[in-house]
Protein backbone atom coordinates (compact mmCIF):
# COMPACT_ATOMS: atom_id res chain seq x y z
CA MET A 1 -106.39 -31.64 47.89
CA ILE A 2 -110.10 -32.83 48.05
CA LYS A 3 -111.08 -29.15 48.43
CA ARG A 4 -109.26 -28.43 45.30
CA ARG A 5 -110.86 -31.22 43.25
CA GLU A 6 -114.31 -30.17 44.48
CA ASN A 7 -113.65 -26.57 43.60
CA ARG A 8 -112.31 -27.12 40.12
CA PRO A 9 -115.49 -28.33 38.41
CA ARG A 10 -117.35 -25.52 40.10
CA ARG A 11 -114.79 -22.94 38.81
CA ILE A 12 -114.92 -24.36 35.37
CA ARG A 13 -118.68 -24.24 35.45
CA LEU A 14 -118.59 -20.49 36.48
CA GLU A 15 -116.17 -19.71 33.79
CA ARG A 16 -118.39 -21.27 31.16
CA GLU A 17 -121.34 -19.39 32.50
CA ALA A 18 -119.40 -16.21 32.27
CA TYR A 19 -118.38 -16.86 28.64
CA ASP A 20 -122.04 -17.61 27.81
CA MET A 21 -123.16 -14.34 29.44
CA PHE A 22 -120.33 -12.47 27.63
CA LEU A 23 -121.45 -14.02 24.28
CA LEU A 24 -125.06 -12.94 24.89
CA ARG A 25 -124.01 -9.37 25.59
CA ASN A 26 -121.72 -9.10 22.67
CA LYS A 27 -123.40 -6.88 20.02
CA GLU A 28 -121.67 -8.66 17.04
CA ILE A 29 -123.19 -11.98 18.19
CA LYS A 30 -126.59 -10.65 18.81
CA TYR A 31 -126.66 -9.08 15.24
CA LEU A 32 -125.31 -12.35 13.73
CA ALA A 33 -128.05 -14.39 15.79
CA ILE A 34 -130.76 -12.11 14.45
CA GLU A 35 -129.46 -12.61 10.82
CA ILE A 36 -129.42 -16.32 11.33
CA LEU A 37 -133.01 -16.33 12.81
CA ILE A 38 -134.22 -14.23 9.75
CA ALA A 39 -132.44 -16.56 7.27
CA SER A 40 -133.90 -19.63 9.07
CA ALA A 41 -137.37 -18.07 9.15
CA VAL A 42 -137.12 -17.82 5.36
CA LEU A 43 -135.18 -20.91 4.35
CA VAL A 44 -136.95 -23.57 6.69
CA PRO A 45 -140.57 -22.70 5.43
CA LEU A 46 -139.26 -22.65 1.93
CA GLY A 47 -137.77 -26.03 2.44
CA PHE A 48 -140.81 -27.51 3.91
CA TRP A 49 -142.86 -25.93 0.98
CA ILE A 50 -140.72 -27.86 -1.46
CA SER A 51 -140.87 -31.24 0.48
CA LEU A 52 -140.99 -32.53 3.94
CA TRP A 53 -137.38 -34.02 3.71
CA THR A 54 -136.08 -30.84 2.19
CA GLY A 55 -137.43 -28.86 5.02
CA ILE A 56 -136.02 -31.20 7.67
CA LEU A 57 -132.56 -31.18 5.92
CA VAL A 58 -132.43 -27.39 5.92
CA LEU A 59 -133.52 -27.23 9.53
CA ILE A 60 -130.89 -29.86 10.52
CA THR A 61 -128.21 -27.90 8.44
CA ILE A 62 -129.09 -24.61 10.06
CA LEU A 63 -128.93 -26.18 13.62
CA LEU A 64 -125.56 -27.77 12.82
CA LEU A 65 -124.14 -24.62 11.53
CA CYS A 66 -125.38 -22.67 14.62
CA ILE A 67 -123.75 -25.27 16.92
CA ILE A 68 -120.39 -25.13 15.03
CA PHE A 69 -120.45 -21.40 15.07
CA TYR A 70 -121.23 -21.26 18.74
CA VAL A 71 -118.44 -23.78 19.73
CA ASN A 72 -115.70 -22.13 17.70
CA THR A 73 -116.79 -18.66 18.85
CA ARG A 74 -116.82 -19.72 22.42
CA LYS A 75 -113.31 -21.25 21.96
CA ARG A 76 -112.12 -17.99 20.52
CA PHE A 77 -113.52 -15.98 23.48
CA GLU A 78 -111.89 -18.35 25.86
CA GLN A 79 -108.61 -17.82 24.32
CA ILE A 80 -109.12 -14.09 24.36
CA ALA A 81 -110.09 -14.37 28.04
CA LYS A 82 -106.78 -16.18 28.76
CA LEU A 83 -104.91 -13.49 26.87
CA ALA A 84 -106.67 -10.78 28.93
CA ASP A 85 -105.74 -12.83 32.13
CA TYR A 86 -102.17 -13.08 31.00
CA LEU A 87 -101.90 -9.26 30.34
CA ARG A 88 -103.25 -8.78 33.87
CA ARG A 89 -100.66 -11.09 35.36
CA ILE A 90 -97.99 -9.32 33.36
CA SER A 91 -99.13 -5.94 34.63
CA ASN A 92 -98.73 -7.36 38.27
CA GLY A 93 -95.03 -8.09 37.48
CA GLU A 94 -95.15 -11.74 36.40
CA HIS A 95 -92.83 -11.14 33.39
CA SER A 96 -91.64 -14.74 33.07
CA LEU A 97 -94.92 -15.97 31.71
CA ASP A 98 -94.72 -17.56 28.23
CA ILE A 99 -98.06 -17.99 26.25
CA ARG A 100 -96.62 -19.13 22.84
CA ASP A 101 -98.23 -22.27 21.57
CA ASN A 102 -96.37 -22.80 18.45
CA ALA A 103 -99.51 -23.16 16.33
CA GLU A 104 -100.84 -21.46 13.35
CA GLY A 105 -103.73 -19.07 13.29
CA GLU A 106 -104.55 -15.30 14.11
CA LEU A 107 -104.58 -15.91 17.86
CA SER A 108 -101.30 -17.69 17.87
CA ILE A 109 -99.71 -14.79 15.97
CA LEU A 110 -101.23 -12.38 18.43
CA LYS A 111 -99.73 -14.50 21.36
CA SER A 112 -96.34 -14.44 19.83
CA GLU A 113 -96.57 -10.68 19.31
CA ILE A 114 -97.73 -10.19 22.91
CA TYR A 115 -94.89 -12.40 24.13
CA LYS A 116 -92.46 -10.25 22.21
CA VAL A 117 -93.81 -7.02 23.76
CA THR A 118 -93.71 -8.58 27.10
CA LEU A 119 -90.07 -9.76 26.84
CA MET A 120 -89.11 -6.18 25.45
CA LEU A 121 -90.99 -4.62 28.56
CA SER A 122 -89.21 -7.09 30.92
CA GLU A 123 -85.78 -6.11 29.37
CA TYR A 124 -86.71 -2.48 29.56
CA ASN A 125 -87.62 -2.87 33.17
CA GLU A 126 -84.44 -4.47 34.02
CA GLN A 127 -82.55 -1.66 32.17
CA LEU A 128 -84.46 0.92 34.28
CA LYS A 129 -83.46 -0.95 37.52
CA LYS A 130 -79.74 -0.94 36.50
CA GLU A 131 -80.02 2.94 35.54
CA LYS A 132 -81.63 3.67 38.78
CA TYR A 133 -78.80 1.78 40.64
CA LEU A 134 -76.22 3.62 38.50
CA LEU A 135 -77.83 6.92 39.27
CA ALA A 136 -77.72 6.28 43.02
CA ASN A 137 -74.04 5.41 42.76
CA GLN A 138 -73.35 8.52 40.67
CA MET A 139 -75.20 10.78 43.03
CA ALA A 140 -73.06 9.38 45.92
CA ASP A 141 -69.87 10.07 43.85
CA ILE A 142 -71.09 13.52 43.14
CA SER A 143 -71.72 14.17 46.83
CA HIS A 144 -68.27 12.89 47.75
CA GLN A 145 -66.58 14.98 44.93
CA LEU A 146 -68.31 18.07 46.29
CA LYS A 147 -67.81 17.31 49.99
CA THR A 148 -64.08 17.07 49.78
CA PRO A 149 -63.37 20.71 48.61
CA LEU A 150 -66.30 22.11 50.68
CA THR A 151 -64.76 20.57 53.75
CA SER A 152 -61.34 21.99 52.90
CA MET A 153 -62.77 25.40 52.34
CA MET A 154 -64.64 25.37 55.63
CA VAL A 155 -61.49 24.49 57.55
CA MET A 156 -59.53 27.40 55.68
CA VAL A 157 -62.35 29.95 56.30
CA ASP A 158 -62.16 29.11 60.20
CA LEU A 159 -58.44 29.67 60.04
CA LEU A 160 -58.85 32.96 58.26
CA LYS A 161 -61.05 34.14 61.22
CA GLU A 162 -57.99 34.02 63.41
CA ASP A 163 -56.59 37.43 64.41
CA ASN A 164 -52.95 36.52 64.70
CA LEU A 165 -52.78 34.92 61.29
CA THR A 166 -49.85 36.12 59.15
CA LYS A 167 -50.29 37.93 55.94
CA GLU A 168 -48.48 35.21 54.01
CA LYS A 169 -50.81 32.35 55.41
CA ARG A 170 -53.89 34.53 54.74
CA GLN A 171 -52.83 34.82 51.16
CA GLU A 172 -52.10 31.05 50.98
CA PHE A 173 -55.49 30.15 52.40
CA THR A 174 -57.29 32.65 50.12
CA SER A 175 -55.48 31.14 47.14
CA GLN A 176 -56.33 27.58 48.24
CA ILE A 177 -60.06 28.57 48.68
CA TYR A 178 -59.92 30.09 45.18
CA MET A 179 -58.51 26.91 43.71
CA GLN A 180 -61.21 24.83 45.48
CA LEU A 181 -63.97 27.08 44.11
CA GLU A 182 -62.47 26.68 40.63
CA ARG A 183 -62.63 22.92 41.15
CA ILE A 184 -66.25 23.10 42.18
CA GLU A 185 -67.19 25.28 39.22
CA TRP A 186 -65.59 22.94 36.77
CA LEU A 187 -67.22 19.90 38.40
CA VAL A 188 -70.60 21.56 38.32
CA SER A 189 -70.22 22.71 34.77
CA SER A 190 -69.14 19.32 33.65
CA LEU A 191 -71.99 17.57 35.29
CA LEU A 192 -74.43 20.03 33.64
CA LYS A 193 -72.93 19.27 30.30
CA MET A 194 -73.12 15.46 31.02
CA SER A 195 -76.70 15.73 32.06
CA LYS A 196 -77.51 17.56 28.76
CA LEU A 197 -75.73 14.72 26.81
CA ASP A 198 -77.58 12.06 28.82
CA ALA A 199 -80.89 13.74 28.37
CA GLY A 200 -80.39 13.89 24.63
CA VAL A 201 -81.13 17.58 24.35
CA VAL A 202 -77.78 18.48 22.79
CA ARG A 203 -78.03 18.84 18.98
CA MET A 204 -74.65 18.12 17.43
CA LYS A 205 -73.97 20.20 14.22
CA GLN A 206 -72.37 18.44 11.34
CA GLU A 207 -70.06 21.19 9.87
CA LYS A 208 -66.96 21.04 7.71
CA ILE A 209 -64.39 22.30 10.05
CA PRO A 210 -60.68 22.88 9.02
CA ALA A 211 -58.49 20.57 11.20
CA ARG A 212 -56.03 23.40 11.79
CA LEU A 213 -58.79 25.61 13.32
CA LEU A 214 -60.04 22.71 15.51
CA ILE A 215 -56.56 21.88 16.95
CA LYS A 216 -55.74 25.44 17.57
CA ASN A 217 -59.03 25.87 19.71
CA VAL A 218 -57.99 22.64 21.60
CA LEU A 219 -54.48 23.81 22.27
CA GLN A 220 -55.21 27.41 23.20
CA PRO A 221 -56.49 26.95 26.87
CA LEU A 222 -53.72 24.39 27.49
CA LEU A 223 -50.62 26.25 26.42
CA ILE A 224 -49.92 27.53 30.13
CA PRO A 225 -50.29 24.13 31.85
CA MET A 226 -48.03 22.59 29.18
CA GLU A 227 -45.55 25.41 29.62
CA LEU A 228 -45.50 24.93 33.39
CA LYS A 229 -44.59 21.29 33.04
CA GLU A 230 -42.16 22.03 30.07
CA ILE A 231 -44.12 19.68 27.85
CA SER A 232 -43.50 20.12 24.14
CA CYS A 233 -46.43 19.59 21.69
CA SER A 234 -45.89 18.88 17.98
CA VAL A 235 -48.78 18.79 15.48
CA ASN A 236 -48.66 16.88 12.37
CA GLN A 237 -51.47 18.04 9.93
CA LYS A 238 -52.21 19.04 6.40
CA GLU A 239 -55.28 20.84 5.12
CA GLU A 240 -57.72 18.19 6.28
CA VAL A 241 -61.31 19.14 6.83
CA ILE A 242 -63.29 17.34 9.68
CA LEU A 243 -67.07 16.85 9.82
CA CYS A 244 -68.06 17.60 13.39
CA ASP A 245 -69.47 20.05 15.90
CA ILE A 246 -66.61 22.31 16.63
CA LYS A 247 -67.71 23.41 20.01
CA TRP A 248 -68.36 20.06 21.50
CA THR A 249 -65.55 18.29 19.64
CA THR A 250 -63.18 20.96 21.17
CA GLU A 251 -64.44 20.09 24.57
CA ALA A 252 -63.97 16.37 24.00
CA LEU A 253 -60.41 16.84 22.65
CA ILE A 254 -59.49 19.27 25.53
CA ASN A 255 -60.45 16.66 28.13
CA ILE A 256 -58.37 13.96 26.45
CA LEU A 257 -55.28 16.40 26.06
CA LYS A 258 -55.79 17.32 29.70
CA ASN A 259 -55.54 13.73 30.67
CA CYS A 260 -52.31 13.34 28.61
CA ILE A 261 -50.80 16.45 30.30
CA GLU A 262 -51.77 15.18 33.72
CA HIS A 263 -49.93 11.79 33.22
CA THR A 264 -46.95 13.17 31.25
CA PRO A 265 -43.97 13.95 33.36
CA LYS A 266 -42.09 17.43 33.36
CA GLY A 267 -40.23 17.79 30.13
CA GLY A 268 -42.41 15.14 28.32
CA LYS A 269 -43.70 15.11 24.79
CA ILE A 270 -47.17 15.10 23.30
CA GLN A 271 -47.76 14.41 19.50
CA ILE A 272 -51.13 15.21 17.70
CA ASP A 273 -51.50 13.68 14.22
CA VAL A 274 -54.50 14.35 11.94
CA LYS A 275 -55.15 12.00 9.27
CA ASP A 276 -57.87 11.51 6.61
CA ASN A 277 -59.28 8.55 4.68
CA PRO A 278 -62.59 8.04 2.66
CA LEU A 279 -64.44 6.67 5.78
CA TYR A 280 -63.43 9.09 8.69
CA SER A 281 -61.14 11.69 9.87
CA GLU A 282 -58.61 10.50 12.55
CA ILE A 283 -57.06 12.51 15.26
CA ILE A 284 -54.31 10.69 17.36
CA ILE A 285 -53.10 12.24 20.52
CA THR A 286 -50.03 10.33 21.95
CA ASP A 287 -47.95 11.07 24.97
CA ASN A 288 -44.89 9.55 26.66
CA GLY A 289 -46.23 9.59 30.15
CA ALA A 290 -46.93 6.95 32.89
CA GLY A 291 -49.39 4.95 30.74
CA ILE A 292 -52.50 3.01 31.65
CA SER A 293 -52.47 -0.36 33.36
CA LYS A 294 -54.39 -3.22 31.75
CA GLU A 295 -56.80 -3.41 34.71
CA ASP A 296 -57.67 0.26 34.25
CA LEU A 297 -57.87 0.41 30.42
CA PRO A 298 -61.50 -1.06 30.00
CA HIS A 299 -62.85 1.35 32.59
CA ILE A 300 -61.25 4.79 31.69
CA PHE A 301 -64.44 6.06 29.92
CA THR A 302 -66.64 5.05 32.86
CA ARG A 303 -67.97 8.02 34.77
CA PHE A 304 -66.26 8.80 38.01
CA TYR A 305 -63.74 6.04 37.66
CA ARG A 306 -60.20 6.79 38.99
CA GLY A 307 -57.40 4.57 37.95
CA LYS A 308 -54.31 3.62 39.96
CA ASN A 309 -52.28 6.52 38.43
CA SER A 310 -54.94 9.13 38.80
CA SER A 311 -53.92 12.39 40.51
CA PRO A 312 -55.51 13.21 43.97
CA ASP A 313 -57.53 16.02 42.26
CA SER A 314 -58.83 13.77 39.43
CA VAL A 315 -62.55 13.39 39.35
CA GLY A 316 -62.90 10.86 36.69
CA ILE A 317 -65.35 12.65 34.55
CA GLY A 318 -63.35 14.16 31.67
CA LEU A 319 -62.70 11.12 29.50
CA ALA A 320 -66.28 9.89 30.15
CA MET A 321 -67.58 13.19 28.84
CA SER A 322 -65.31 12.99 25.78
CA TYR A 323 -66.60 9.53 25.04
CA SER A 324 -70.21 10.73 25.28
CA ILE A 325 -69.62 13.67 23.00
CA LEU A 326 -67.88 11.58 20.26
CA ARG A 327 -70.55 8.86 20.45
CA ARG A 328 -73.26 11.46 20.12
CA GLN A 329 -71.60 12.33 16.70
CA GLN A 330 -71.44 8.75 15.73
CA GLY A 331 -67.77 8.85 16.46
CA ASP A 332 -65.41 6.49 18.16
CA ILE A 333 -62.31 6.52 20.40
CA ARG A 334 -59.76 3.75 20.96
CA VAL A 335 -56.85 3.75 23.36
CA ASN A 336 -53.46 1.88 23.36
CA SER A 337 -51.29 2.17 26.32
CA LYS A 338 -48.14 0.64 27.84
CA ILE A 339 -47.03 1.24 31.51
CA GLY A 340 -44.05 3.56 31.50
CA LYS A 341 -44.23 4.19 27.69
CA GLY A 342 -47.35 6.36 27.35
CA SER A 343 -50.76 6.36 25.82
CA SER A 344 -52.29 6.92 22.43
CA PHE A 345 -55.88 8.09 21.84
CA ALA A 346 -57.30 7.61 18.35
CA ILE A 347 -60.40 9.49 17.76
CA HIS A 348 -62.40 8.66 14.59
CA LEU A 349 -65.07 11.08 13.24
CA TYR A 350 -66.97 9.43 10.45
CA LYS A 351 -67.90 11.22 7.24
CA SER A 352 -71.29 9.52 7.10
CA VAL A 353 -73.62 7.99 9.70
CA MET A 354 -72.42 4.44 10.53
């Protein structure tokens, strides 16, 4: 403690000497000092020429003004030096520092603005940490999703090498390998699309698309899966026009409809309703399937999330992609579901930017 008390006056003295040297090296201070000296060289002799007391008064006034200017300028430079030290500490990771003094003046305003920027950078840094952690988890999930089909394929390839394998088994294993390759191709394709959406390189077109054309494009690739499960699909629409990017919106609706087909039992029903109002176009996709539990409902649009009723082949990326596509178009999606009664997805595509 004694050593600290001894060092403190010395540190203060060194800081003051540093401020003095800084003031002397400052060009603006030098020019101002020269101007004051020139003015003094003119005013002081002139004052003494008028009278002795006038000359003394002028000299004292000039000296007082110089002292006041020096003291105030030094204080300002001390405050600036503290700000510079604060910024250095911030760059070293001390984001919890607060330099606001709740006073008035230019420096106080500058302190408040610097604090706001520091707070914003701190929040941004925390967000980056969260995104880094999320990315690491996503990479682990992707590795797991690719490892499962690859392992299955390697086993079946080894079995195909056996000479005594029957023709039926060979065809079965070949078919299984083909199915796993399709799954990998879909996963890689979906991840590439998600990465484009995340990177913001996708430019969504805002075109007036007939609802009839959009629904036709959505249903076309899913007719066979629905036929295999004997699922009936009815569409209720008029001559509505939807403002959207037809390619990406079709992708989003296909993923939602796939989810409905996956959770709808054999012989089930799916209803698609298209509605229109002055604010937005609404597409409602309803099924009478297994439904979504309350625990899973808040997470169904989270990437790689698999609920309790998910099938073994589910990856957990389809609904997340649909959500990203719709949000990129300033759209929205809401879900209502009850266990054993089915689910309803309400998609809103706004007619103007919200």
